[in-house]
Amino acid sequence: MSPKAEDESESGPRVQKFDLFHYGFIRRFMSDIRHSVVAVLPHAKFQMAAVPHRVKCAFAGYALTCKSSGGESSGGIVPTFHGTNAENLVPIRKHGLVVPGTVIPGTSTTLQVANGSAAGFGIYTANLNAPQLSHGFCSQPTMLVCAVVLKPGDVIQHGDAQVCKDARCVVPLLEASGQSFRGQASGTSILACAQPAQPR
């Protein structure tokens, strides 16, 4: 079997595994997620995030590999938040989250860092107890709720943030939106919001 055929044969089961994980993860953590979100986004409404087929397969394959190698046991898969400029939401829905310095899938464009990288290049997400970190990078009252596989080396804890060095270990699962954020972000956030350049 060719590598391409093998990839295609694994695609269906991985998508099914991801979809089961997606719903199960939300059922498990929804109460905690809602409690955390309303601290910065009162009366928030939630909708399922659009996850590209490629991202579903990549995350499912990565999570299964970590589990089989014992990597997942170090911290499991946890809910986090990602805040970004509203204009980045459409590219994220189309391509998933991308590590700055790498090429946006399907384009020849390299993703640039917009707000620094305190812990190096990576996809920065905030822990469930620190939604204000992500809030500080949102231009509109919408935040992404993500799942992160806590694999040492690929994910680095930096304060109240999880920095994902490998895009396969993080996936948006929900979008939380509301009328407005509660007050304003206080202090300086450590989260780096990567703003994609326009694909060429």
N, C-alpha and C. Protein backbone atom coordinates (compact mmCIF):
# COMPACT_ATOMS: atom_id res chain seq x y z
N MET A 1 0.84 -1.19 0.00
CA MET A 1 0.00 0.00 0.00
C MET A 1 0.88 1.25 0.00
N SER A 2 0.57 2.18 -0.90
CA SER A 2 1.35 3.41 -0.98
C SER A 2 1.08 4.27 0.24
N PRO A 3 2.05 5.18 0.58
CA PRO A 3 1.82 6.09 1.71
C PRO A 3 0.54 6.89 1.57
N LYS A 4 0.24 7.34 0.32
CA LYS A 4 -0.97 8.12 0.11
C LYS A 4 -2.21 7.29 0.39
N ALA A 5 -2.24 6.05 -0.11
CA ALA A 5 -3.38 5.17 0.12
C ALA A 5 -3.53 4.85 1.60
N GLU A 6 -2.38 4.66 2.26
CA GLU A 6 -2.41 4.37 3.69
C GLU A 6 -2.97 5.56 4.47
N ASP A 7 -2.58 6.77 4.08
CA ASP A 7 -3.09 7.97 4.73
C ASP A 7 -4.60 8.08 4.55
N GLU A 8 -5.07 7.79 3.32
CA GLU A 8 -6.49 7.88 3.04
C GLU A 8 -7.27 6.83 3.82
N SER A 9 -6.68 5.63 3.99
CA SER A 9 -7.37 4.57 4.72
C SER A 9 -7.48 4.89 6.20
N GLU A 10 -6.54 5.68 6.72
CA GLU A 10 -6.56 6.06 8.13
C GLU A 10 -7.41 7.30 8.38
N SER A 11 -7.68 8.06 7.33
CA SER A 11 -8.37 9.33 7.47
C SER A 11 -9.76 9.18 8.07
N GLY A 12 -10.55 8.25 7.53
CA GLY A 12 -11.92 8.05 8.02
C GLY A 12 -11.98 7.71 9.50
N PRO A 13 -11.25 6.67 9.93
CA PRO A 13 -11.26 6.32 11.36
C PRO A 13 -10.77 7.45 12.25
N ARG A 14 -9.77 8.20 11.80
CA ARG A 14 -9.26 9.30 12.62
C ARG A 14 -10.30 10.41 12.76
N VAL A 15 -11.03 10.70 11.69
CA VAL A 15 -12.08 11.71 11.77
C VAL A 15 -13.17 11.24 12.73
N GLN A 16 -13.53 9.98 12.66
CA GLN A 16 -14.54 9.44 13.57
C GLN A 16 -14.07 9.51 15.02
N LYS A 17 -12.81 9.16 15.24
CA LYS A 17 -12.26 9.25 16.60
C LYS A 17 -12.27 10.69 17.09
N PHE A 18 -11.91 11.62 16.19
CA PHE A 18 -11.91 13.02 16.59
C PHE A 18 -13.32 13.49 16.94
N ASP A 19 -14.30 13.15 16.12
CA ASP A 19 -15.67 13.60 16.38
C ASP A 19 -16.19 13.07 17.71
N LEU A 20 -15.88 11.80 18.02
CA LEU A 20 -16.27 11.24 19.30
C LEU A 20 -15.57 11.96 20.45
N PHE A 21 -14.27 12.23 20.25
CA PHE A 21 -13.51 12.98 21.25
C PHE A 21 -14.10 14.36 21.44
N HIS A 22 -14.41 15.05 20.34
CA HIS A 22 -14.92 16.42 20.37
C HIS A 22 -16.15 16.53 21.28
N TYR A 23 -17.14 15.69 21.03
CA TYR A 23 -18.37 15.75 21.81
C TYR A 23 -18.14 15.30 23.25
N GLY A 24 -17.33 14.27 23.43
CA GLY A 24 -17.06 13.78 24.77
C GLY A 24 -16.30 14.80 25.61
N PHE A 25 -15.35 15.47 25.01
CA PHE A 25 -14.54 16.47 25.71
C PHE A 25 -15.42 17.63 26.17
N ILE A 26 -16.31 18.07 25.29
CA ILE A 26 -17.20 19.18 25.64
C ILE A 26 -18.15 18.78 26.76
N ARG A 27 -18.70 17.58 26.69
CA ARG A 27 -19.58 17.12 27.77
C ARG A 27 -18.84 17.09 29.10
N ARG A 28 -17.61 16.65 29.07
CA ARG A 28 -16.84 16.51 30.29
C ARG A 28 -16.48 17.85 30.92
N PHE A 29 -16.10 18.82 30.09
CA PHE A 29 -15.55 20.07 30.61
C PHE A 29 -16.46 21.29 30.46
N MET A 30 -17.66 21.13 29.90
CA MET A 30 -18.48 22.29 29.57
C MET A 30 -18.80 23.15 30.78
N SER A 31 -19.10 22.54 31.89
CA SER A 31 -19.44 23.30 33.10
C SER A 31 -18.26 24.18 33.54
N ASP A 32 -17.05 23.61 33.55
CA ASP A 32 -15.86 24.37 33.94
C ASP A 32 -15.54 25.46 32.92
N ILE A 33 -15.70 25.13 31.64
CA ILE A 33 -15.44 26.10 30.58
C ILE A 33 -16.38 27.29 30.70
N ARG A 34 -17.66 27.01 30.87
CA ARG A 34 -18.66 28.09 30.98
C ARG A 34 -18.37 28.98 32.19
N HIS A 35 -18.05 28.36 33.31
CA HIS A 35 -17.75 29.11 34.54
C HIS A 35 -16.57 30.05 34.33
N SER A 36 -15.56 29.58 33.61
CA SER A 36 -14.37 30.38 33.36
C SER A 36 -14.65 31.50 32.37
N VAL A 37 -15.36 31.20 31.30
CA VAL A 37 -15.63 32.18 30.25
C VAL A 37 -16.46 33.35 30.76
N VAL A 38 -17.49 33.07 31.55
CA VAL A 38 -18.38 34.15 31.98
C VAL A 38 -17.68 35.14 32.91
N ALA A 39 -16.51 34.76 33.43
CA ALA A 39 -15.75 35.69 34.25
C ALA A 39 -15.26 36.89 33.43
N VAL A 40 -15.07 36.68 32.13
CA VAL A 40 -14.62 37.78 31.25
C VAL A 40 -15.63 38.10 30.15
N LEU A 41 -16.54 37.18 29.88
CA LEU A 41 -17.50 37.35 28.79
C LEU A 41 -18.90 36.98 29.29
N PRO A 42 -19.57 37.91 30.00
CA PRO A 42 -20.89 37.61 30.57
C PRO A 42 -21.90 37.20 29.50
N HIS A 43 -22.78 36.27 29.85
CA HIS A 43 -23.85 35.83 28.95
C HIS A 43 -23.30 35.27 27.64
N ALA A 44 -22.15 34.64 27.73
CA ALA A 44 -21.52 34.08 26.53
C ALA A 44 -22.38 32.99 25.91
N LYS A 45 -22.35 32.94 24.60
CA LYS A 45 -22.99 31.85 23.87
C LYS A 45 -21.89 31.02 23.21
N PHE A 46 -22.14 29.72 23.13
CA PHE A 46 -21.13 28.80 22.61
C PHE A 46 -21.64 28.12 21.34
N GLN A 47 -20.72 27.94 20.40
CA GLN A 47 -21.04 27.13 19.23
C GLN A 47 -19.83 26.27 18.89
N MET A 48 -20.13 25.15 18.26
CA MET A 48 -19.05 24.24 17.88
C MET A 48 -18.13 24.93 16.88
N ALA A 49 -16.84 24.79 17.09
CA ALA A 49 -15.86 25.38 16.17
C ALA A 49 -15.79 24.57 14.89
N ALA A 50 -15.55 25.25 13.79
CA ALA A 50 -15.31 24.58 12.52
C ALA A 50 -13.89 24.03 12.54
N VAL A 51 -13.75 22.72 12.36
CA VAL A 51 -12.43 22.10 12.38
C VAL A 51 -12.17 21.45 11.02
N PRO A 52 -11.16 21.91 10.29
CA PRO A 52 -10.87 21.32 8.98
C PRO A 52 -10.56 19.83 9.08
N HIS A 53 -10.88 19.11 8.02
CA HIS A 53 -10.64 17.66 7.97
C HIS A 53 -9.18 17.33 8.29
N ARG A 54 -8.27 18.08 7.68
CA ARG A 54 -6.85 17.83 7.89
C ARG A 54 -6.46 17.98 9.35
N VAL A 55 -7.05 18.99 10.02
CA VAL A 55 -6.73 19.24 11.43
C VAL A 55 -7.29 18.13 12.31
N LYS A 56 -8.48 17.66 11.99
CA LYS A 56 -9.07 16.55 12.74
C LYS A 56 -8.15 15.33 12.70
N CYS A 57 -7.69 15.00 11.50
CA CYS A 57 -6.83 13.83 11.32
C CYS A 57 -5.51 14.00 12.06
N ALA A 58 -4.93 15.20 11.94
CA ALA A 58 -3.63 15.45 12.57
C ALA A 58 -3.72 15.36 14.08
N PHE A 59 -4.76 15.97 14.66
CA PHE A 59 -4.91 15.95 16.12
C PHE A 59 -5.19 14.54 16.61
N ALA A 60 -6.09 13.84 15.93
CA ALA A 60 -6.43 12.48 16.35
C ALA A 60 -5.21 11.57 16.29
N GLY A 61 -4.45 11.66 15.20
CA GLY A 61 -3.24 10.85 15.08
C GLY A 61 -2.22 11.18 16.14
N TYR A 62 -2.06 12.46 16.42
CA TYR A 62 -1.08 12.91 17.43
C TYR A 62 -1.49 12.42 18.81
N ALA A 63 -2.76 12.60 19.15
CA ALA A 63 -3.24 12.19 20.47
C ALA A 63 -3.12 10.69 20.66
N LEU A 64 -3.43 9.92 19.63
CA LEU A 64 -3.33 8.46 19.72
C LEU A 64 -1.88 8.03 19.89
N THR A 65 -0.96 8.69 19.16
CA THR A 65 0.46 8.37 19.29
C THR A 65 0.96 8.67 20.70
N CYS A 66 0.55 9.81 21.25
CA CYS A 66 0.95 10.17 22.61
C CYS A 66 0.42 9.16 23.62
N LYS A 67 -0.81 8.73 23.42
CA LYS A 67 -1.42 7.79 24.35
C LYS A 67 -0.72 6.44 24.31
N SER A 68 -0.40 5.98 23.10
CA SER A 68 0.24 4.67 22.97
C SER A 68 1.67 4.67 23.49
N SER A 69 2.31 5.87 23.45
CA SER A 69 3.69 5.95 23.92
C SER A 69 3.78 6.34 25.39
N GLY A 70 2.62 6.59 26.00
CA GLY A 70 2.61 6.97 27.40
C GLY A 70 2.75 8.46 27.62
N GLY A 71 2.86 9.24 26.52
CA GLY A 71 3.05 10.67 26.67
C GLY A 71 1.85 11.38 27.25
N GLU A 72 0.66 10.89 26.92
CA GLU A 72 -0.54 11.57 27.39
C GLU A 72 -0.67 11.49 28.90
N SER A 73 -0.12 10.44 29.51
CA SER A 73 -0.27 10.24 30.94
C SER A 73 0.39 11.34 31.75
N SER A 74 1.28 12.10 31.12
CA SER A 74 1.99 13.15 31.85
C SER A 74 1.07 14.31 32.23
N GLY A 75 -0.01 14.50 31.48
CA GLY A 75 -0.90 15.61 31.80
C GLY A 75 -2.25 15.53 31.12
N GLY A 76 -2.42 14.58 30.23
CA GLY A 76 -3.69 14.40 29.55
C GLY A 76 -3.98 15.46 28.53
N ILE A 77 -5.25 15.63 28.23
CA ILE A 77 -5.72 16.63 27.27
C ILE A 77 -6.59 17.60 28.05
N VAL A 78 -6.26 18.89 27.98
CA VAL A 78 -6.93 19.87 28.83
C VAL A 78 -7.58 20.97 27.99
N PRO A 79 -8.62 21.61 28.54
CA PRO A 79 -9.23 22.75 27.85
C PRO A 79 -8.43 24.02 28.10
N THR A 80 -8.30 24.84 27.07
CA THR A 80 -7.58 26.12 27.16
C THR A 80 -8.33 27.15 26.32
N PHE A 81 -7.86 28.40 26.38
CA PHE A 81 -8.45 29.47 25.59
C PHE A 81 -7.41 30.07 24.65
N HIS A 82 -7.89 30.55 23.51
CA HIS A 82 -7.02 31.27 22.57
C HIS A 82 -7.73 32.53 22.15
N GLY A 83 -7.07 33.68 22.36
CA GLY A 83 -7.63 34.95 21.93
C GLY A 83 -6.87 35.48 20.73
N THR A 84 -7.59 36.10 19.81
CA THR A 84 -6.96 36.61 18.60
C THR A 84 -7.77 37.74 18.00
N ASN A 85 -7.17 38.47 17.09
CA ASN A 85 -7.89 39.49 16.36
C ASN A 85 -9.01 38.83 15.56
N ALA A 86 -10.16 39.48 15.49
CA ALA A 86 -11.32 38.89 14.82
C ALA A 86 -11.04 38.52 13.37
N GLU A 87 -10.14 39.26 12.70
CA GLU A 87 -9.86 38.98 11.29
C GLU A 87 -9.11 37.66 11.13
N ASN A 88 -8.59 37.11 12.22
CA ASN A 88 -7.89 35.82 12.14
C ASN A 88 -8.82 34.63 12.27
N LEU A 89 -10.07 34.85 12.66
CA LEU A 89 -10.97 33.74 12.92
C LEU A 89 -11.28 32.94 11.65
N VAL A 90 -11.48 33.64 10.54
CA VAL A 90 -11.78 32.94 9.29
C VAL A 90 -10.61 32.06 8.85
N PRO A 91 -9.35 32.57 8.83
CA PRO A 91 -8.23 31.69 8.50
C PRO A 91 -8.07 30.51 9.46
N ILE A 92 -8.37 30.73 10.75
CA ILE A 92 -8.27 29.64 11.72
C ILE A 92 -9.31 28.58 11.42
N ARG A 93 -10.52 29.00 11.07
CA ARG A 93 -11.57 28.03 10.72
C ARG A 93 -11.19 27.23 9.48
N LYS A 94 -10.45 27.87 8.60
CA LYS A 94 -10.08 27.22 7.33
C LYS A 94 -8.85 26.33 7.47
N HIS A 95 -7.85 26.80 8.25
CA HIS A 95 -6.57 26.09 8.32
C HIS A 95 -6.25 25.51 9.69
N GLY A 96 -7.00 25.87 10.71
CA GLY A 96 -6.63 25.49 12.07
C GLY A 96 -5.61 26.48 12.62
N LEU A 97 -5.16 26.26 13.83
CA LEU A 97 -4.13 27.11 14.44
C LEU A 97 -2.78 26.72 13.87
N VAL A 98 -1.95 27.72 13.60
CA VAL A 98 -0.67 27.50 12.94
C VAL A 98 0.45 28.10 13.79
N VAL A 99 1.56 27.39 13.92
CA VAL A 99 2.71 27.90 14.66
C VAL A 99 3.40 28.99 13.84
N PRO A 100 3.63 30.17 14.42
CA PRO A 100 4.34 31.22 13.69
C PRO A 100 5.70 30.73 13.21
N GLY A 101 6.08 31.19 12.03
CA GLY A 101 7.34 30.75 11.43
C GLY A 101 7.17 29.57 10.50
N THR A 102 5.96 29.00 10.45
CA THR A 102 5.69 27.89 9.54
C THR A 102 4.71 28.36 8.46
N VAL A 103 4.65 27.60 7.39
CA VAL A 103 3.81 27.98 6.25
C VAL A 103 2.35 27.63 6.52
N ILE A 104 1.46 28.56 6.23
CA ILE A 104 0.03 28.32 6.37
C ILE A 104 -0.37 27.25 5.35
N PRO A 105 -1.02 26.17 5.78
CA PRO A 105 -1.38 25.08 4.86
C PRO A 105 -2.14 25.57 3.63
N GLY A 106 -1.74 25.06 2.48
CA GLY A 106 -2.41 25.41 1.24
C GLY A 106 -1.98 26.72 0.64
N THR A 107 -0.97 27.38 1.24
CA THR A 107 -0.48 28.65 0.73
C THR A 107 1.04 28.62 0.70
N SER A 108 1.62 29.72 0.23
CA SER A 108 3.08 29.86 0.29
C SER A 108 3.46 30.92 1.32
N THR A 109 2.51 31.26 2.20
CA THR A 109 2.69 32.34 3.16
C THR A 109 3.15 31.80 4.51
N THR A 110 4.18 32.40 5.08
CA THR A 110 4.66 32.05 6.40
C THR A 110 3.95 32.90 7.44
N LEU A 111 3.43 32.26 8.47
CA LEU A 111 2.73 32.99 9.53
C LEU A 111 3.72 33.81 10.35
N GLN A 112 3.39 35.07 10.56
CA GLN A 112 4.25 35.99 11.30
C GLN A 112 3.72 36.19 12.71
N VAL A 113 4.61 36.52 13.63
CA VAL A 113 4.21 36.82 15.01
C VAL A 113 3.80 38.29 15.10
N ALA A 114 2.64 38.54 15.72
CA ALA A 114 2.15 39.91 15.82
C ALA A 114 2.48 40.56 17.16
N ASN A 115 2.51 39.78 18.24
CA ASN A 115 2.65 40.37 19.57
C ASN A 115 3.75 39.75 20.40
N GLY A 116 4.84 39.36 19.78
CA GLY A 116 5.96 38.83 20.53
C GLY A 116 5.83 37.32 20.79
N SER A 117 6.89 36.78 21.36
CA SER A 117 6.92 35.34 21.64
C SER A 117 7.77 35.11 22.89
N ALA A 118 7.19 35.39 24.04
CA ALA A 118 7.90 35.34 25.31
C ALA A 118 8.55 33.99 25.59
N ALA A 119 7.92 32.92 25.11
CA ALA A 119 8.46 31.58 25.33
C ALA A 119 8.84 30.92 24.01
N GLY A 120 9.17 31.74 23.00
CA GLY A 120 9.53 31.20 21.70
C GLY A 120 8.31 31.04 20.81
N PHE A 121 8.58 30.63 19.57
CA PHE A 121 7.49 30.42 18.63
C PHE A 121 6.57 29.31 19.13
N GLY A 122 5.28 29.54 18.97
CA GLY A 122 4.31 28.54 19.37
C GLY A 122 2.91 29.12 19.31
N ILE A 123 1.93 28.27 19.52
CA ILE A 123 0.54 28.69 19.61
C ILE A 123 0.25 28.86 21.11
N TYR A 124 -0.03 30.08 21.52
CA TYR A 124 -0.20 30.39 22.93
C TYR A 124 -1.68 30.25 23.33
N THR A 125 -1.92 29.48 24.35
CA THR A 125 -3.27 29.33 24.87
C THR A 125 -3.25 29.52 26.38
N ALA A 126 -4.36 30.00 26.93
CA ALA A 126 -4.45 30.28 28.35
C ALA A 126 -5.12 29.13 29.09
N ASN A 127 -4.63 28.84 30.29
CA ASN A 127 -5.24 27.82 31.12
C ASN A 127 -6.67 28.22 31.49
N LEU A 128 -7.43 27.25 31.91
CA LEU A 128 -8.84 27.47 32.22
C LEU A 128 -9.03 28.50 33.33
N ASN A 129 -8.04 28.60 34.22
CA ASN A 129 -8.16 29.54 35.34
C ASN A 129 -7.70 30.96 34.97
N ALA A 130 -7.32 31.18 33.70
CA ALA A 130 -6.78 32.48 33.31
C ALA A 130 -7.36 32.97 31.99
N PRO A 131 -8.68 33.05 31.86
CA PRO A 131 -9.28 33.49 30.59
C PRO A 131 -8.90 34.92 30.22
N GLN A 132 -8.51 35.73 31.23
CA GLN A 132 -8.16 37.12 30.97
C GLN A 132 -6.94 37.24 30.08
N LEU A 133 -6.08 36.22 30.08
CA LEU A 133 -4.91 36.26 29.21
C LEU A 133 -5.32 36.28 27.74
N SER A 134 -6.26 35.41 27.40
CA SER A 134 -6.74 35.36 26.01
C SER A 134 -7.61 36.57 25.70
N HIS A 135 -8.39 36.99 26.66
CA HIS A 135 -9.26 38.15 26.50
C HIS A 135 -8.46 39.36 26.01
N GLY A 136 -7.25 39.53 26.51
CA GLY A 136 -6.44 40.68 26.17
C GLY A 136 -6.04 40.77 24.71
N PHE A 137 -6.20 39.68 23.95
CA PHE A 137 -5.81 39.69 22.54
C PHE A 137 -7.00 39.61 21.59
N CYS A 138 -8.19 39.74 22.13
CA CYS A 138 -9.40 39.68 21.31
C CYS A 138 -9.83 41.09 20.90
N SER A 139 -10.01 41.33 19.62
CA SER A 139 -10.48 42.63 19.14
C SER A 139 -12.00 42.71 19.20
N GLN A 140 -12.67 41.56 19.28
CA GLN A 140 -14.11 41.48 19.44
C GLN A 140 -14.40 40.45 20.52
N PRO A 141 -15.58 40.48 21.13
CA PRO A 141 -15.89 39.56 22.23
C PRO A 141 -16.12 38.12 21.77
N THR A 142 -15.09 37.53 21.24
CA THR A 142 -15.12 36.12 20.82
C THR A 142 -13.80 35.47 21.19
N MET A 143 -13.86 34.32 21.86
CA MET A 143 -12.67 33.55 22.21
C MET A 143 -12.83 32.12 21.73
N LEU A 144 -11.72 31.49 21.44
CA LEU A 144 -11.72 30.08 21.08
C LEU A 144 -11.45 29.23 22.31
N VAL A 145 -12.22 28.16 22.44
CA VAL A 145 -11.97 27.16 23.47
C VAL A 145 -11.27 25.99 22.78
N CYS A 146 -10.08 25.66 23.25
CA CYS A 146 -9.26 24.65 22.58
C CYS A 146 -9.00 23.44 23.48
N ALA A 147 -8.57 22.36 22.86
CA ALA A 147 -8.06 21.20 23.58
C ALA A 147 -6.56 21.12 23.29
N VAL A 148 -5.77 20.89 24.33
CA VAL A 148 -4.32 20.79 24.19
C VAL A 148 -3.83 19.47 24.78
N VAL A 149 -3.05 18.73 24.00
CA VAL A 149 -2.41 17.52 24.49
C VAL A 149 -1.11 17.93 25.19
N LEU A 150 -1.03 17.67 26.47
CA LEU A 150 0.14 18.12 27.24
C LEU A 150 1.30 17.14 27.12
N LYS A 151 1.94 17.18 25.97
CA LYS A 151 3.10 16.33 25.75
C LYS A 151 4.38 17.13 26.01
N PRO A 152 5.19 16.69 26.98
CA PRO A 152 6.43 17.42 27.29
C PRO A 152 7.29 17.59 26.04
N GLY A 153 7.85 18.78 25.90
CA GLY A 153 8.67 19.08 24.73
C GLY A 153 7.89 19.76 23.64
N ASP A 154 6.71 19.23 23.34
CA ASP A 154 5.86 19.84 22.32
C ASP A 154 4.97 20.93 22.90
N VAL A 155 4.73 20.86 24.21
CA VAL A 155 3.93 21.87 24.90
C VAL A 155 4.71 22.33 26.12
N ILE A 156 4.88 23.65 26.23
CA ILE A 156 5.64 24.23 27.34
C ILE A 156 4.72 25.09 28.19
N GLN A 157 4.74 24.87 29.50
CA GLN A 157 3.96 25.73 30.38
C GLN A 157 4.74 27.01 30.63
N HIS A 158 4.06 28.14 30.44
CA HIS A 158 4.69 29.45 30.64
C HIS A 158 3.72 30.30 31.44
N GLY A 159 3.94 30.37 32.74
CA GLY A 159 2.98 31.04 33.60
C GLY A 159 1.65 30.32 33.55
N ASP A 160 0.59 31.05 33.24
CA ASP A 160 -0.75 30.46 33.11
C ASP A 160 -1.08 30.11 31.67
N ALA A 161 -0.07 29.99 30.83
CA ALA A 161 -0.27 29.66 29.43
C ALA A 161 0.36 28.32 29.08
N GLN A 162 -0.20 27.69 28.06
CA GLN A 162 0.39 26.50 27.45
C GLN A 162 0.84 26.90 26.05
N VAL A 163 2.14 26.77 25.78
CA VAL A 163 2.70 27.16 24.49
C VAL A 163 2.91 25.91 23.65
N CYS A 164 2.17 25.79 22.58
CA CYS A 164 2.20 24.60 21.73
C CYS A 164 3.21 24.79 20.60
N LYS A 165 4.27 24.02 20.65
CA LYS A 165 5.32 24.11 19.63
C LYS A 165 4.97 23.30 18.39
N ASP A 166 4.03 22.40 18.51
CA ASP A 166 3.58 21.54 17.41
C ASP A 166 2.09 21.79 17.23
N ALA A 167 1.70 22.21 16.05
CA ALA A 167 0.30 22.56 15.80
C ALA A 167 -0.64 21.37 15.95
N ARG A 168 -0.10 20.17 15.87
CA ARG A 168 -0.96 18.98 15.98
C ARG A 168 -1.51 18.77 17.38
N CYS A 169 -0.88 19.41 18.37
CA CYS A 169 -1.28 19.14 19.76
C CYS A 169 -2.35 20.09 20.27
N VAL A 170 -2.87 20.97 19.41
CA VAL A 170 -3.92 21.90 19.84
C VAL A 170 -4.98 22.01 18.76
N VAL A 171 -6.24 22.08 19.20
CA VAL A 171 -7.34 22.19 18.24
C VAL A 171 -8.46 23.02 18.86
N PRO A 172 -9.04 23.97 18.12
CA PRO A 172 -10.21 24.70 18.61
C PRO A 172 -11.44 23.78 18.60
N LEU A 173 -12.21 23.82 19.67
CA LEU A 173 -13.41 22.98 19.76
C LEU A 173 -14.69 23.80 19.85
N LEU A 174 -14.60 24.97 20.46
CA LEU A 174 -15.76 25.84 20.63
C LEU A 174 -15.38 27.29 20.34
N GLU A 175 -16.37 28.07 19.95
CA GLU A 175 -16.23 29.52 19.90
C GLU A 175 -17.20 30.10 20.92
N ALA A 176 -16.68 30.93 21.82
CA ALA A 176 -17.51 31.60 22.82
C ALA A 176 -17.62 33.07 22.44
N SER A 177 -18.82 33.58 22.36
CA SER A 177 -19.01 34.98 21.96
C SER A 177 -20.11 35.62 22.80
N GLY A 178 -20.06 36.95 22.87
CA GLY A 178 -21.06 37.68 23.64
C GLY A 178 -21.16 39.12 23.17
N GLN A 179 -21.89 39.93 23.94
CA GLN A 179 -22.08 41.33 23.58
C GLN A 179 -20.81 42.13 23.80
N SER A 180 -20.15 41.90 24.92
CA SER A 180 -18.93 42.63 25.24
C SER A 180 -18.21 41.93 26.38
N PHE A 181 -16.91 42.22 26.52
CA PHE A 181 -16.14 41.67 27.63
C PHE A 181 -16.45 42.45 28.89
N ARG A 182 -16.23 41.79 30.02
CA ARG A 182 -16.43 42.44 31.31
C ARG A 182 -15.21 43.33 31.60
N GLY A 183 -15.40 44.64 31.59
CA GLY A 183 -14.31 45.57 31.86
C GLY A 183 -13.21 45.48 30.80
N GLN A 184 -12.00 45.74 31.19
CA GLN A 184 -10.86 45.70 30.29
C GLN A 184 -9.80 44.78 30.86
N ALA A 185 -8.92 44.27 29.99
CA ALA A 185 -7.84 43.40 30.46
C ALA A 185 -6.91 44.21 31.35
N SER A 186 -6.49 43.63 32.47
CA SER A 186 -5.58 44.33 33.37
C SER A 186 -4.17 43.79 33.22
N GLY A 187 -3.15 44.68 33.32
CA GLY A 187 -1.77 44.23 33.22
C GLY A 187 -1.39 43.89 31.79
N THR A 188 -0.25 43.32 31.65
CA THR A 188 0.27 42.93 30.34
C THR A 188 0.21 41.42 30.20
N SER A 189 -0.47 40.96 29.17
CA SER A 189 -0.61 39.53 28.95
C SER A 189 0.65 38.96 28.32
N ILE A 190 0.92 37.69 28.64
CA ILE A 190 2.07 37.03 28.04
C ILE A 190 1.70 36.30 26.76
N LEU A 191 0.41 36.23 26.44
CA LEU A 191 0.00 35.48 25.27
C LEU A 191 0.41 36.19 23.99
N ALA A 192 0.97 35.44 23.07
CA ALA A 192 1.34 35.98 21.76
C ALA A 192 0.23 35.67 20.79
N CYS A 193 -0.32 36.69 20.17
CA CYS A 193 -1.38 36.50 19.18
C CYS A 193 -0.75 36.57 17.80
N ALA A 194 -0.74 35.46 17.10
CA ALA A 194 -0.11 35.44 15.77
C ALA A 194 -1.11 35.83 14.73
N GLN A 195 -0.81 36.84 13.96
CA GLN A 195 -1.69 37.33 12.93
C GLN A 195 -1.20 36.88 11.56
N PRO A 196 -2.02 36.08 10.85
CA PRO A 196 -1.56 35.56 9.57
C PRO A 196 -1.45 36.65 8.51
N ALA A 197 -0.42 36.54 7.70
CA ALA A 197 -0.32 37.42 6.55
C ALA A 197 -1.29 36.93 5.50
N GLN A 198 -1.60 37.79 4.54
CA GLN A 198 -2.52 37.38 3.48
C GLN A 198 -1.85 36.35 2.57
N PRO A 199 -2.52 35.19 2.33
CA PRO A 199 -1.93 34.18 1.45
C PRO A 199 -1.66 34.75 0.06
N ARG A 200 -0.55 34.28 -0.52
CA ARG A 200 -0.20 34.71 -1.87
C ARG A 200 -0.65 33.66 -2.88
